[in-house]
Amino acid sequence: MIDLHTHTFFSDGALVPSEHLRRFEVLGYSAVAITDHADSSNIDFILPRIVQVANDLNPLGKTRLIPGIELTHIPPTLMKPLTLRARELGALIVVGHGETPVEPVAPGTNLAAIEAGVDLLAHPGFITEEEAALAAARGVLLELSGRKGHSLTNGHVARMAIKSGAGLAVSSDGHEPGDFMTVERARTVALGAGLSVAQYEKLRQGMAALIAGL
């Protein structure tokens, strides 16, 4: 199991990174990305600390902590420069906070994040077929979210991804232990969005390939 989208107390999550990682280890995960919410005000604060804790903890446990960031509610024109800044600061996973239907995300955010080359477009809402095709071409994964509200458009996201050939990822967007998904829950999110068992296995392989390349 891999989760590419989670939060600690460095933004609006509940746990310090060490406990966060430990709880995923107990659930049997091979890797989890900490991707706290950031914009230009705090990206320089968060990322070095996540990188440091990953360096401290990864030699000691079974679950790999992947340093990441979620660029959240930023103007679309800032998506590319902040994606580049995140990479410079050590982010191995950059998540773009997509146009979920339950938050007032600026129109154009999905396209800007894909064009910026984020790794994962989180909860992309009513993503267009053209945007999904560009995600496929750029290797940007589209998220099927396990989080309440954001998950409302999982079926639409799955259809657009299947039609365009874009890769998918199931992520918890976990903020506290009750959000973290078991193997069974992750499978339910994927199949509930309309994926077949074979498509879900392809999704899992795509996520594993991404992690293996980091």
N, C-alpha and C. Protein backbone atom coordinates (compact mmCIF):
# COMPACT_ATOMS: atom_id res chain seq x y z
N MET A 1 0.84 -1.20 0.00
CA MET A 1 0.00 0.00 0.00
C MET A 1 0.87 1.24 0.00
N ILE A 2 0.41 2.24 -0.74
CA ILE A 2 1.09 3.53 -0.86
C ILE A 2 0.05 4.62 -0.75
N ASP A 3 0.36 5.69 -0.04
CA ASP A 3 -0.51 6.87 0.02
C ASP A 3 0.34 8.08 -0.36
N LEU A 4 -0.10 8.81 -1.39
CA LEU A 4 0.67 9.94 -1.91
C LEU A 4 0.19 11.28 -1.39
N HIS A 5 -0.78 11.31 -0.47
CA HIS A 5 -1.41 12.58 -0.12
C HIS A 5 -1.90 12.52 1.33
N THR A 6 -1.08 13.02 2.26
CA THR A 6 -1.46 13.05 3.67
C THR A 6 -0.93 14.33 4.32
N HIS A 7 -1.46 14.62 5.52
CA HIS A 7 -1.14 15.87 6.21
C HIS A 7 -0.81 15.64 7.68
N THR A 8 0.16 16.40 8.17
CA THR A 8 0.53 16.37 9.59
C THR A 8 0.21 17.72 10.22
N PHE A 9 0.72 17.91 11.44
CA PHE A 9 0.44 19.17 12.13
C PHE A 9 1.22 20.35 11.56
N PHE A 10 2.04 20.10 10.53
CA PHE A 10 2.68 21.22 9.84
C PHE A 10 1.68 22.01 9.00
N SER A 11 0.49 21.44 8.77
CA SER A 11 -0.61 22.24 8.20
C SER A 11 -1.85 21.98 9.03
N ASP A 12 -2.81 21.22 8.52
CA ASP A 12 -4.06 21.01 9.26
C ASP A 12 -4.28 19.57 9.67
N GLY A 13 -3.20 18.79 9.75
CA GLY A 13 -3.29 17.44 10.25
C GLY A 13 -3.16 17.39 11.76
N ALA A 14 -3.26 16.19 12.31
CA ALA A 14 -3.31 16.03 13.77
C ALA A 14 -2.01 15.57 14.40
N LEU A 15 -1.14 14.92 13.63
CA LEU A 15 -0.01 14.21 14.24
C LEU A 15 1.34 14.81 13.86
N VAL A 16 2.32 14.59 14.73
CA VAL A 16 3.70 14.86 14.35
C VAL A 16 4.11 13.81 13.31
N PRO A 17 5.08 14.11 12.46
CA PRO A 17 5.45 13.15 11.42
C PRO A 17 5.83 11.77 11.92
N SER A 18 6.49 11.67 13.07
CA SER A 18 6.91 10.36 13.57
C SER A 18 5.72 9.46 13.87
N GLU A 19 4.71 10.00 14.56
CA GLU A 19 3.52 9.19 14.84
C GLU A 19 2.74 8.91 13.57
N HIS A 20 2.66 9.91 12.71
CA HIS A 20 1.99 9.76 11.43
C HIS A 20 2.57 8.56 10.67
N LEU A 21 3.89 8.53 10.55
CA LEU A 21 4.55 7.44 9.85
C LEU A 21 4.32 6.11 10.55
N ARG A 22 4.40 6.09 11.87
CA ARG A 22 4.23 4.85 12.62
C ARG A 22 2.85 4.24 12.40
N ARG A 23 1.84 5.08 12.36
CA ARG A 23 0.49 4.56 12.15
C ARG A 23 0.33 3.95 10.76
N PHE A 24 0.98 4.52 9.76
CA PHE A 24 0.94 3.91 8.43
C PHE A 24 1.75 2.61 8.41
N GLU A 25 2.82 2.57 9.17
CA GLU A 25 3.61 1.34 9.25
C GLU A 25 2.77 0.20 9.84
N VAL A 26 2.00 0.49 10.87
CA VAL A 26 1.16 -0.52 11.48
C VAL A 26 0.09 -1.01 10.51
N LEU A 27 -0.37 -0.14 9.61
CA LEU A 27 -1.36 -0.53 8.60
C LEU A 27 -0.74 -1.32 7.45
N GLY A 28 0.58 -1.45 7.44
CA GLY A 28 1.23 -2.28 6.43
C GLY A 28 1.64 -1.55 5.17
N TYR A 29 1.73 -0.24 5.21
CA TYR A 29 2.11 0.53 4.03
C TYR A 29 3.60 0.38 3.72
N SER A 30 3.92 0.40 2.44
CA SER A 30 5.33 0.42 2.03
C SER A 30 5.86 1.84 1.94
N ALA A 31 4.97 2.81 1.68
CA ALA A 31 5.40 4.21 1.57
C ALA A 31 4.22 5.14 1.80
N VAL A 32 4.53 6.31 2.37
CA VAL A 32 3.52 7.35 2.54
C VAL A 32 4.19 8.70 2.32
N ALA A 33 3.54 9.56 1.57
CA ALA A 33 4.03 10.92 1.35
C ALA A 33 3.35 11.87 2.32
N ILE A 34 4.14 12.69 2.99
CA ILE A 34 3.60 13.79 3.78
C ILE A 34 3.59 15.01 2.87
N THR A 35 2.39 15.53 2.63
CA THR A 35 2.20 16.59 1.64
C THR A 35 1.38 17.71 2.26
N ASP A 36 1.95 18.38 3.25
CA ASP A 36 1.20 19.42 3.95
C ASP A 36 0.88 20.59 3.03
N HIS A 37 -0.20 21.28 3.37
CA HIS A 37 -0.67 22.42 2.58
C HIS A 37 0.34 23.55 2.61
N ALA A 38 0.59 24.15 1.45
CA ALA A 38 1.56 25.24 1.39
C ALA A 38 1.23 26.22 0.29
N ASP A 39 1.70 27.44 0.50
CA ASP A 39 1.77 28.46 -0.55
C ASP A 39 3.12 29.15 -0.36
N SER A 40 3.28 30.34 -0.91
CA SER A 40 4.58 31.01 -0.82
C SER A 40 4.91 31.44 0.60
N SER A 41 3.94 31.46 1.51
CA SER A 41 4.18 31.92 2.88
C SER A 41 4.89 30.90 3.75
N ASN A 42 4.71 29.60 3.46
CA ASN A 42 5.21 28.58 4.38
C ASN A 42 5.97 27.44 3.75
N ILE A 43 6.12 27.44 2.43
CA ILE A 43 6.77 26.31 1.77
C ILE A 43 8.22 26.16 2.22
N ASP A 44 8.90 27.30 2.46
CA ASP A 44 10.29 27.25 2.91
C ASP A 44 10.41 26.75 4.35
N PHE A 45 9.35 26.85 5.11
CA PHE A 45 9.35 26.35 6.49
C PHE A 45 9.07 24.86 6.55
N ILE A 46 8.05 24.42 5.82
CA ILE A 46 7.59 23.04 5.93
C ILE A 46 8.57 22.04 5.33
N LEU A 47 8.97 22.27 4.09
CA LEU A 47 9.68 21.22 3.37
C LEU A 47 11.01 20.82 3.99
N PRO A 48 11.85 21.75 4.42
CA PRO A 48 13.11 21.29 5.04
C PRO A 48 12.89 20.41 6.26
N ARG A 49 11.81 20.64 6.99
CA ARG A 49 11.53 19.85 8.18
C ARG A 49 11.03 18.45 7.82
N ILE A 50 10.24 18.35 6.77
CA ILE A 50 9.79 17.03 6.32
C ILE A 50 10.95 16.25 5.74
N VAL A 51 11.82 16.92 5.00
CA VAL A 51 13.01 16.26 4.47
C VAL A 51 13.88 15.74 5.61
N GLN A 52 14.06 16.57 6.64
CA GLN A 52 14.89 16.16 7.78
C GLN A 52 14.32 14.94 8.49
N VAL A 53 13.02 14.95 8.76
CA VAL A 53 12.44 13.82 9.48
C VAL A 53 12.46 12.56 8.62
N ALA A 54 12.33 12.71 7.31
CA ALA A 54 12.44 11.55 6.43
C ALA A 54 13.86 10.98 6.50
N ASN A 55 14.86 11.84 6.50
CA ASN A 55 16.24 11.37 6.61
C ASN A 55 16.48 10.66 7.94
N ASP A 56 15.83 11.15 9.00
CA ASP A 56 16.01 10.55 10.33
C ASP A 56 15.32 9.20 10.45
N LEU A 57 14.10 9.10 9.90
CA LEU A 57 13.26 7.94 10.17
C LEU A 57 13.39 6.82 9.15
N ASN A 58 13.69 7.14 7.91
CA ASN A 58 13.66 6.11 6.87
C ASN A 58 14.65 4.97 7.10
N PRO A 59 15.83 5.21 7.67
CA PRO A 59 16.72 4.06 7.92
C PRO A 59 16.24 3.14 9.03
N LEU A 60 15.21 3.56 9.77
CA LEU A 60 14.84 2.86 11.00
C LEU A 60 13.54 2.06 10.91
N GLY A 61 12.76 2.24 9.86
CA GLY A 61 11.45 1.60 9.81
C GLY A 61 11.18 0.88 8.51
N LYS A 62 10.00 0.29 8.43
CA LYS A 62 9.60 -0.48 7.25
C LYS A 62 8.86 0.37 6.22
N THR A 63 8.26 1.48 6.65
CA THR A 63 7.47 2.32 5.75
C THR A 63 8.29 3.54 5.37
N ARG A 64 8.44 3.77 4.08
CA ARG A 64 9.23 4.90 3.61
C ARG A 64 8.42 6.19 3.70
N LEU A 65 9.00 7.20 4.32
CA LEU A 65 8.39 8.53 4.36
C LEU A 65 8.92 9.33 3.18
N ILE A 66 8.01 9.81 2.36
CA ILE A 66 8.39 10.57 1.17
C ILE A 66 8.09 12.04 1.39
N PRO A 67 9.09 12.91 1.34
CA PRO A 67 8.85 14.34 1.53
C PRO A 67 8.06 14.93 0.36
N GLY A 68 6.99 15.63 0.69
CA GLY A 68 6.17 16.24 -0.35
C GLY A 68 5.51 17.51 0.12
N ILE A 69 4.65 18.04 -0.72
CA ILE A 69 3.93 19.28 -0.43
C ILE A 69 2.66 19.31 -1.27
N GLU A 70 1.63 19.95 -0.74
CA GLU A 70 0.42 20.17 -1.53
C GLU A 70 0.26 21.67 -1.73
N LEU A 71 0.40 22.13 -2.96
CA LEU A 71 0.24 23.54 -3.29
C LEU A 71 -1.25 23.82 -3.32
N THR A 72 -1.70 24.67 -2.39
CA THR A 72 -3.11 24.75 -2.03
C THR A 72 -3.68 26.14 -2.21
N HIS A 73 -4.74 26.25 -3.04
CA HIS A 73 -5.46 27.51 -3.24
C HIS A 73 -4.53 28.65 -3.66
N ILE A 74 -3.51 28.32 -4.43
CA ILE A 74 -2.65 29.39 -4.94
C ILE A 74 -3.18 29.83 -6.30
N PRO A 75 -2.94 31.08 -6.69
CA PRO A 75 -3.34 31.51 -8.03
C PRO A 75 -2.70 30.60 -9.08
N PRO A 76 -3.42 30.25 -10.13
CA PRO A 76 -2.86 29.34 -11.13
C PRO A 76 -1.51 29.78 -11.69
N THR A 77 -1.28 31.08 -11.81
CA THR A 77 -0.01 31.56 -12.37
C THR A 77 1.18 31.26 -11.46
N LEU A 78 0.92 30.97 -10.19
CA LEU A 78 2.00 30.64 -9.26
C LEU A 78 2.30 29.15 -9.19
N MET A 79 1.51 28.34 -9.87
CA MET A 79 1.67 26.89 -9.75
C MET A 79 3.03 26.44 -10.26
N LYS A 80 3.46 26.93 -11.40
CA LYS A 80 4.74 26.49 -11.94
C LYS A 80 5.92 26.95 -11.10
N PRO A 81 6.03 28.25 -10.76
CA PRO A 81 7.20 28.64 -9.94
C PRO A 81 7.24 27.98 -8.58
N LEU A 82 6.08 27.74 -7.96
CA LEU A 82 6.10 27.09 -6.65
C LEU A 82 6.37 25.59 -6.77
N THR A 83 5.98 24.98 -7.87
CA THR A 83 6.35 23.59 -8.11
C THR A 83 7.87 23.46 -8.22
N LEU A 84 8.47 24.37 -8.96
CA LEU A 84 9.93 24.36 -9.10
C LEU A 84 10.60 24.61 -7.76
N ARG A 85 10.05 25.55 -6.98
CA ARG A 85 10.61 25.84 -5.66
C ARG A 85 10.51 24.62 -4.74
N ALA A 86 9.38 23.92 -4.81
CA ALA A 86 9.22 22.72 -3.99
C ALA A 86 10.27 21.67 -4.33
N ARG A 87 10.54 21.50 -5.62
CA ARG A 87 11.57 20.53 -6.02
C ARG A 87 12.94 20.95 -5.46
N GLU A 88 13.23 22.25 -5.55
CA GLU A 88 14.51 22.75 -5.04
C GLU A 88 14.67 22.48 -3.55
N LEU A 89 13.56 22.55 -2.83
CA LEU A 89 13.58 22.35 -1.37
C LEU A 89 13.56 20.88 -0.96
N GLY A 90 13.47 19.98 -1.93
CA GLY A 90 13.56 18.56 -1.62
C GLY A 90 12.29 17.76 -1.72
N ALA A 91 11.21 18.36 -2.25
CA ALA A 91 9.97 17.61 -2.41
C ALA A 91 10.14 16.53 -3.48
N LEU A 92 9.85 15.30 -3.12
CA LEU A 92 9.86 14.21 -4.09
C LEU A 92 8.48 13.98 -4.68
N ILE A 93 7.45 14.46 -3.98
CA ILE A 93 6.08 14.41 -4.48
C ILE A 93 5.49 15.82 -4.35
N VAL A 94 5.05 16.37 -5.48
CA VAL A 94 4.34 17.65 -5.46
C VAL A 94 2.89 17.38 -5.85
N VAL A 95 2.00 17.77 -4.98
CA VAL A 95 0.56 17.60 -5.19
C VAL A 95 -0.04 18.96 -5.50
N GLY A 96 -0.85 19.02 -6.54
CA GLY A 96 -1.63 20.21 -6.82
C GLY A 96 -3.03 20.05 -6.25
N HIS A 97 -3.46 21.02 -5.46
CA HIS A 97 -4.81 21.00 -4.87
C HIS A 97 -5.81 21.34 -5.98
N GLY A 98 -6.46 20.31 -6.50
CA GLY A 98 -7.31 20.48 -7.67
C GLY A 98 -8.65 21.12 -7.38
N GLU A 99 -9.44 21.23 -8.43
CA GLU A 99 -10.69 21.99 -8.40
C GLU A 99 -11.85 21.16 -7.83
N THR A 100 -11.68 20.73 -6.59
CA THR A 100 -12.73 20.01 -5.90
C THR A 100 -14.03 20.81 -5.89
N PRO A 101 -15.19 20.14 -6.00
CA PRO A 101 -16.45 20.88 -6.00
C PRO A 101 -16.86 21.41 -4.64
N VAL A 102 -16.14 21.06 -3.58
CA VAL A 102 -16.56 21.48 -2.23
C VAL A 102 -15.71 22.62 -1.67
N GLU A 103 -14.83 23.19 -2.49
CA GLU A 103 -14.04 24.35 -2.08
C GLU A 103 -13.96 25.34 -3.24
N PRO A 104 -13.78 26.63 -2.94
CA PRO A 104 -13.75 27.63 -4.01
C PRO A 104 -12.37 27.76 -4.66
N VAL A 105 -11.90 26.67 -5.24
CA VAL A 105 -10.60 26.68 -5.91
C VAL A 105 -10.70 27.51 -7.19
N ALA A 106 -9.68 28.29 -7.47
CA ALA A 106 -9.70 29.18 -8.64
C ALA A 106 -9.81 28.37 -9.93
N PRO A 107 -10.72 28.76 -10.82
CA PRO A 107 -10.78 28.11 -12.13
C PRO A 107 -9.43 28.20 -12.85
N GLY A 108 -9.08 27.13 -13.52
CA GLY A 108 -7.79 27.08 -14.20
C GLY A 108 -6.70 26.41 -13.38
N THR A 109 -7.00 26.07 -12.13
CA THR A 109 -6.01 25.43 -11.27
C THR A 109 -5.62 24.05 -11.78
N ASN A 110 -6.60 23.26 -12.21
CA ASN A 110 -6.27 21.92 -12.72
C ASN A 110 -5.28 22.01 -13.87
N LEU A 111 -5.58 22.85 -14.84
CA LEU A 111 -4.72 22.97 -16.02
C LEU A 111 -3.34 23.48 -15.62
N ALA A 112 -3.29 24.48 -14.75
CA ALA A 112 -2.00 25.05 -14.34
C ALA A 112 -1.15 24.01 -13.63
N ALA A 113 -1.77 23.19 -12.78
CA ALA A 113 -1.01 22.16 -12.06
C ALA A 113 -0.46 21.11 -13.01
N ILE A 114 -1.27 20.70 -13.97
CA ILE A 114 -0.81 19.71 -14.95
C ILE A 114 0.34 20.29 -15.77
N GLU A 115 0.18 21.51 -16.23
CA GLU A 115 1.23 22.15 -17.03
C GLU A 115 2.51 22.36 -16.22
N ALA A 116 2.36 22.57 -14.90
CA ALA A 116 3.52 22.76 -14.03
C ALA A 116 4.27 21.46 -13.77
N GLY A 117 3.64 20.33 -14.06
CA GLY A 117 4.30 19.05 -13.85
C GLY A 117 4.24 18.52 -12.45
N VAL A 118 3.13 18.78 -11.73
CA VAL A 118 2.98 18.15 -10.42
C VAL A 118 2.92 16.64 -10.61
N ASP A 119 3.14 15.91 -9.55
CA ASP A 119 3.08 14.45 -9.62
C ASP A 119 1.66 13.93 -9.50
N LEU A 120 0.86 14.61 -8.68
CA LEU A 120 -0.50 14.17 -8.40
C LEU A 120 -1.42 15.38 -8.40
N LEU A 121 -2.51 15.31 -9.15
CA LEU A 121 -3.55 16.33 -9.11
C LEU A 121 -4.63 15.80 -8.18
N ALA A 122 -4.70 16.40 -6.98
CA ALA A 122 -5.62 15.92 -5.96
C ALA A 122 -7.04 16.35 -6.26
N HIS A 123 -7.98 15.47 -5.94
CA HIS A 123 -9.41 15.76 -6.06
C HIS A 123 -9.72 16.80 -7.16
N PRO A 124 -9.53 16.41 -8.44
CA PRO A 124 -9.65 17.38 -9.53
C PRO A 124 -11.07 17.69 -9.97
N GLY A 125 -12.06 17.25 -9.19
CA GLY A 125 -13.44 17.66 -9.46
C GLY A 125 -13.90 17.27 -10.85
N PHE A 126 -14.52 18.23 -11.53
CA PHE A 126 -15.05 17.97 -12.87
C PHE A 126 -13.99 18.26 -13.92
N ILE A 127 -12.87 17.58 -13.82
CA ILE A 127 -11.79 17.74 -14.76
C ILE A 127 -12.29 17.46 -16.17
N THR A 128 -11.80 18.23 -17.14
CA THR A 128 -12.26 18.05 -18.52
C THR A 128 -11.49 16.92 -19.19
N GLU A 129 -12.05 16.43 -20.27
CA GLU A 129 -11.38 15.39 -21.03
C GLU A 129 -10.04 15.89 -21.58
N GLU A 130 -10.00 17.16 -21.99
CA GLU A 130 -8.76 17.74 -22.52
C GLU A 130 -7.69 17.82 -21.44
N GLU A 131 -8.10 18.21 -20.23
CA GLU A 131 -7.14 18.27 -19.13
C GLU A 131 -6.64 16.87 -18.76
N ALA A 132 -7.53 15.91 -18.77
CA ALA A 132 -7.13 14.53 -18.46
C ALA A 132 -6.15 14.00 -19.51
N ALA A 133 -6.40 14.35 -20.78
CA ALA A 133 -5.48 13.92 -21.85
C ALA A 133 -4.11 14.55 -21.66
N LEU A 134 -4.07 15.81 -21.25
CA LEU A 134 -2.78 16.45 -21.00
C LEU A 134 -2.09 15.81 -19.81
N ALA A 135 -2.85 15.45 -18.78
CA ALA A 135 -2.28 14.74 -17.63
C ALA A 135 -1.66 13.43 -18.08
N ALA A 136 -2.33 12.73 -18.98
CA ALA A 136 -1.79 11.47 -19.50
C ALA A 136 -0.47 11.72 -20.22
N ALA A 137 -0.43 12.78 -21.02
CA ALA A 137 0.78 13.09 -21.78
C ALA A 137 1.93 13.51 -20.88
N ARG A 138 1.61 14.19 -19.77
CA ARG A 138 2.65 14.71 -18.87
C ARG A 138 2.98 13.74 -17.72
N GLY A 139 2.27 12.64 -17.64
CA GLY A 139 2.54 11.69 -16.56
C GLY A 139 2.05 12.13 -15.20
N VAL A 140 1.02 12.98 -15.17
CA VAL A 140 0.44 13.45 -13.92
C VAL A 140 -0.68 12.50 -13.51
N LEU A 141 -0.60 11.97 -12.30
CA LEU A 141 -1.65 11.08 -11.81
C LEU A 141 -2.85 11.89 -11.33
N LEU A 142 -4.04 11.36 -11.56
CA LEU A 142 -5.28 11.97 -11.08
C LEU A 142 -5.76 11.19 -9.86
N GLU A 143 -6.21 11.92 -8.86
CA GLU A 143 -6.54 11.28 -7.59
C GLU A 143 -8.00 10.84 -7.50
N LEU A 144 -8.19 9.63 -7.02
CA LEU A 144 -9.46 9.17 -6.49
C LEU A 144 -9.36 9.33 -4.98
N SER A 145 -10.13 10.23 -4.43
CA SER A 145 -9.96 10.64 -3.04
C SER A 145 -10.78 9.81 -2.07
N GLY A 146 -10.16 9.47 -0.96
CA GLY A 146 -10.88 8.80 0.11
C GLY A 146 -11.52 9.76 1.09
N ARG A 147 -11.41 11.06 0.84
CA ARG A 147 -11.88 12.06 1.80
C ARG A 147 -13.30 12.52 1.48
N LYS A 148 -14.09 12.67 2.55
CA LYS A 148 -15.47 13.14 2.42
C LYS A 148 -15.52 14.45 1.66
N GLY A 149 -16.49 14.59 0.78
CA GLY A 149 -16.63 15.80 -0.01
C GLY A 149 -15.83 15.72 -1.29
N HIS A 150 -14.51 15.62 -1.16
CA HIS A 150 -13.66 15.52 -2.35
C HIS A 150 -13.99 14.28 -3.18
N SER A 151 -14.49 13.25 -2.51
CA SER A 151 -14.76 11.99 -3.20
C SER A 151 -16.02 12.04 -4.07
N LEU A 152 -16.78 13.11 -3.99
CA LEU A 152 -18.05 13.18 -4.72
C LEU A 152 -17.88 13.01 -6.22
N THR A 153 -16.74 13.46 -6.75
CA THR A 153 -16.54 13.38 -8.21
C THR A 153 -15.57 12.27 -8.61
N ASN A 154 -15.32 11.32 -7.72
CA ASN A 154 -14.42 10.22 -8.07
C ASN A 154 -14.86 9.48 -9.33
N GLY A 155 -16.15 9.26 -9.48
CA GLY A 155 -16.63 8.54 -10.66
C GLY A 155 -16.33 9.29 -11.94
N HIS A 156 -16.53 10.61 -11.92
CA HIS A 156 -16.21 11.43 -13.09
C HIS A 156 -14.72 11.40 -13.39
N VAL A 157 -13.89 11.53 -12.34
CA VAL A 157 -12.44 11.51 -12.54
C VAL A 157 -12.00 10.18 -13.14
N ALA A 158 -12.56 9.09 -12.63
CA ALA A 158 -12.20 7.77 -13.17
C ALA A 158 -12.58 7.65 -14.63
N ARG A 159 -13.77 8.13 -14.99
CA ARG A 159 -14.19 8.04 -16.39
C ARG A 159 -13.28 8.85 -17.29
N MET A 160 -12.92 10.06 -16.87
CA MET A 160 -12.04 10.89 -17.69
C MET A 160 -10.66 10.25 -17.83
N ALA A 161 -10.17 9.66 -16.75
CA ALA A 161 -8.86 9.02 -16.79
C ALA A 161 -8.86 7.81 -17.71
N ILE A 162 -9.88 6.98 -17.60
CA ILE A 162 -9.96 5.80 -18.44
C ILE A 162 -10.09 6.19 -19.91
N LYS A 163 -10.87 7.21 -20.18
CA LYS A 163 -11.08 7.65 -21.56
C LYS A 163 -9.80 8.23 -22.17
N SER A 164 -9.01 8.93 -21.36
CA SER A 164 -7.83 9.63 -21.87
C SER A 164 -6.54 8.84 -21.72
N GLY A 165 -6.57 7.81 -20.89
CA GLY A 165 -5.36 7.06 -20.62
C GLY A 165 -4.51 7.63 -19.50
N ALA A 166 -5.06 8.56 -18.73
CA ALA A 166 -4.32 9.14 -17.60
C ALA A 166 -4.19 8.13 -16.47
N GLY A 167 -3.09 8.24 -15.75
CA GLY A 167 -2.89 7.40 -14.59
C GLY A 167 -3.72 7.87 -13.42
N LEU A 168 -4.06 6.93 -12.54
CA LEU A 168 -4.86 7.24 -11.36
C LEU A 168 -4.11 6.84 -10.09
N ALA A 169 -4.47 7.47 -8.99
CA ALA A 169 -3.96 7.10 -7.68
C ALA A 169 -5.10 7.18 -6.68
N VAL A 170 -5.16 6.22 -5.77
CA VAL A 170 -6.08 6.31 -4.64
C VAL A 170 -5.30 6.85 -3.46
N SER A 171 -5.77 7.94 -2.88
CA SER A 171 -5.10 8.55 -1.74
C SER A 171 -6.12 8.91 -0.68
N SER A 172 -5.67 8.96 0.57
CA SER A 172 -6.61 9.22 1.66
C SER A 172 -6.87 10.69 1.88
N ASP A 173 -5.90 11.57 1.51
CA ASP A 173 -5.95 12.96 1.96
C ASP A 173 -6.12 12.97 3.48
N GLY A 174 -5.40 12.06 4.12
CA GLY A 174 -5.60 11.83 5.55
C GLY A 174 -5.04 12.94 6.41
N HIS A 175 -5.87 13.41 7.35
CA HIS A 175 -5.48 14.44 8.30
C HIS A 175 -5.33 13.90 9.72
N GLU A 176 -5.94 12.76 9.99
CA GLU A 176 -5.88 12.15 11.32
C GLU A 176 -6.06 10.65 11.16
N PRO A 177 -5.74 9.88 12.21
CA PRO A 177 -5.73 8.42 12.06
C PRO A 177 -7.01 7.81 11.48
N GLY A 178 -8.17 8.37 11.82
CA GLY A 178 -9.40 7.82 11.28
C GLY A 178 -9.54 7.95 9.78
N ASP A 179 -8.73 8.81 9.17
CA ASP A 179 -8.77 9.00 7.72
C ASP A 179 -7.91 7.99 6.97
N PHE A 180 -6.94 7.40 7.66
CA PHE A 180 -5.97 6.56 6.98
C PHE A 180 -6.64 5.27 6.52
N MET A 181 -6.39 4.88 5.29
CA MET A 181 -7.13 3.79 4.67
C MET A 181 -6.47 2.43 4.88
N THR A 182 -7.29 1.45 5.15
CA THR A 182 -6.86 0.06 5.09
C THR A 182 -6.80 -0.37 3.62
N VAL A 183 -6.23 -1.53 3.40
CA VAL A 183 -6.21 -2.09 2.04
C VAL A 183 -7.64 -2.22 1.50
N GLU A 184 -8.54 -2.70 2.35
CA GLU A 184 -9.91 -2.92 1.92
C GLU A 184 -10.62 -1.60 1.57
N ARG A 185 -10.37 -0.57 2.35
CA ARG A 185 -11.03 0.71 2.08
C ARG A 185 -10.51 1.33 0.79
N ALA A 186 -9.21 1.26 0.57
CA ALA A 186 -8.64 1.80 -0.67
C ALA A 186 -9.23 1.10 -1.89
N ARG A 187 -9.37 -0.20 -1.79
CA ARG A 187 -9.96 -0.96 -2.90
C ARG A 187 -11.41 -0.55 -3.11
N THR A 188 -12.14 -0.32 -2.03
CA THR A 188 -13.53 0.10 -2.13
C THR A 188 -13.65 1.46 -2.81
N VAL A 189 -12.75 2.39 -2.47
CA VAL A 189 -12.76 3.71 -3.12
C VAL A 189 -12.57 3.56 -4.62
N ALA A 190 -11.63 2.72 -5.02
CA ALA A 190 -11.35 2.55 -6.44
C ALA A 190 -12.50 1.87 -7.18
N LEU A 191 -12.98 0.76 -6.63
CA LEU A 191 -14.06 0.03 -7.30
C LEU A 191 -15.36 0.84 -7.24
N GLY A 192 -15.55 1.59 -6.16
CA GLY A 192 -16.73 2.43 -6.06
C GLY A 192 -16.75 3.56 -7.08
N ALA A 193 -15.57 3.96 -7.55
CA ALA A 193 -15.47 4.99 -8.59
C ALA A 193 -15.72 4.42 -9.97
N GLY A 194 -15.85 3.09 -10.06
CA GLY A 194 -16.16 2.48 -11.35
C GLY A 194 -15.03 1.69 -11.97
N LEU A 195 -13.90 1.56 -11.26
CA LEU A 195 -12.80 0.79 -11.81
C LEU A 195 -13.09 -0.71 -11.69
N SER A 196 -12.59 -1.45 -12.65
CA SER A 196 -12.62 -2.90 -12.55
C SER A 196 -11.46 -3.35 -11.66
N VAL A 197 -11.47 -4.61 -11.28
CA VAL A 197 -10.37 -5.13 -10.48
C VAL A 197 -9.06 -5.00 -11.24
N ALA A 198 -9.09 -5.28 -12.54
CA ALA A 198 -7.87 -5.17 -13.36
C ALA A 198 -7.39 -3.73 -13.43
N GLN A 199 -8.31 -2.79 -13.56
CA GLN A 199 -7.92 -1.38 -13.58
C GLN A 199 -7.36 -0.93 -12.25
N TYR A 200 -7.91 -1.45 -11.16
CA TYR A 200 -7.37 -1.12 -9.84
C TYR A 200 -5.95 -1.66 -9.69
N GLU A 201 -5.69 -2.86 -10.17
CA GLU A 201 -4.35 -3.41 -10.09
C GLU A 201 -3.38 -2.58 -10.93
N LYS A 202 -3.83 -2.08 -12.08
CA LYS A 202 -2.99 -1.21 -12.90
C LYS A 202 -2.69 0.09 -12.16
N LEU A 203 -3.68 0.62 -11.46
CA LEU A 203 -3.49 1.82 -10.64
C LEU A 203 -2.40 1.57 -9.60
N ARG A 204 -2.50 0.47 -8.90
CA ARG A 204 -1.52 0.14 -7.86
C ARG A 204 -0.12 0.02 -8.45
N GLN A 205 -0.02 -0.57 -9.62
CA GLN A 205 1.27 -0.72 -10.28
C GLN A 205 1.85 0.64 -10.68
N GLY A 206 0.98 1.55 -11.12
CA GLY A 206 1.42 2.88 -11.49
C GLY A 206 1.95 3.65 -10.30
N MET A 207 1.26 3.54 -9.16
CA MET A 207 1.74 4.21 -7.94
C MET A 207 3.07 3.63 -7.49
N ALA A 208 3.20 2.32 -7.56
CA ALA A 208 4.45 1.69 -7.17
C ALA A 208 5.60 2.09 -8.09
N ALA A 209 5.31 2.22 -9.37
CA ALA A 209 6.34 2.63 -10.32
C ALA A 209 6.81 4.05 -10.05
N LEU A 210 5.87 4.93 -9.68
CA LEU A 210 6.23 6.29 -9.34
C LEU A 210 7.18 6.32 -8.15
N ILE A 211 6.84 5.58 -7.10
CA ILE A 211 7.66 5.56 -5.90
C ILE A 211 9.03 4.95 -6.19
N ALA A 212 9.05 3.92 -7.01
CA ALA A 212 10.32 3.26 -7.32
C ALA A 212 11.29 4.18 -8.05
N GLY A 213 10.72 5.16 -8.77
CA GLY A 213 11.56 6.09 -9.52
C GLY A 213 12.07 7.26 -8.72
N LEU A 214 11.68 7.37 -7.45
CA LEU A 214 12.09 8.53 -6.64
C LEU A 214 13.44 8.29 -5.97
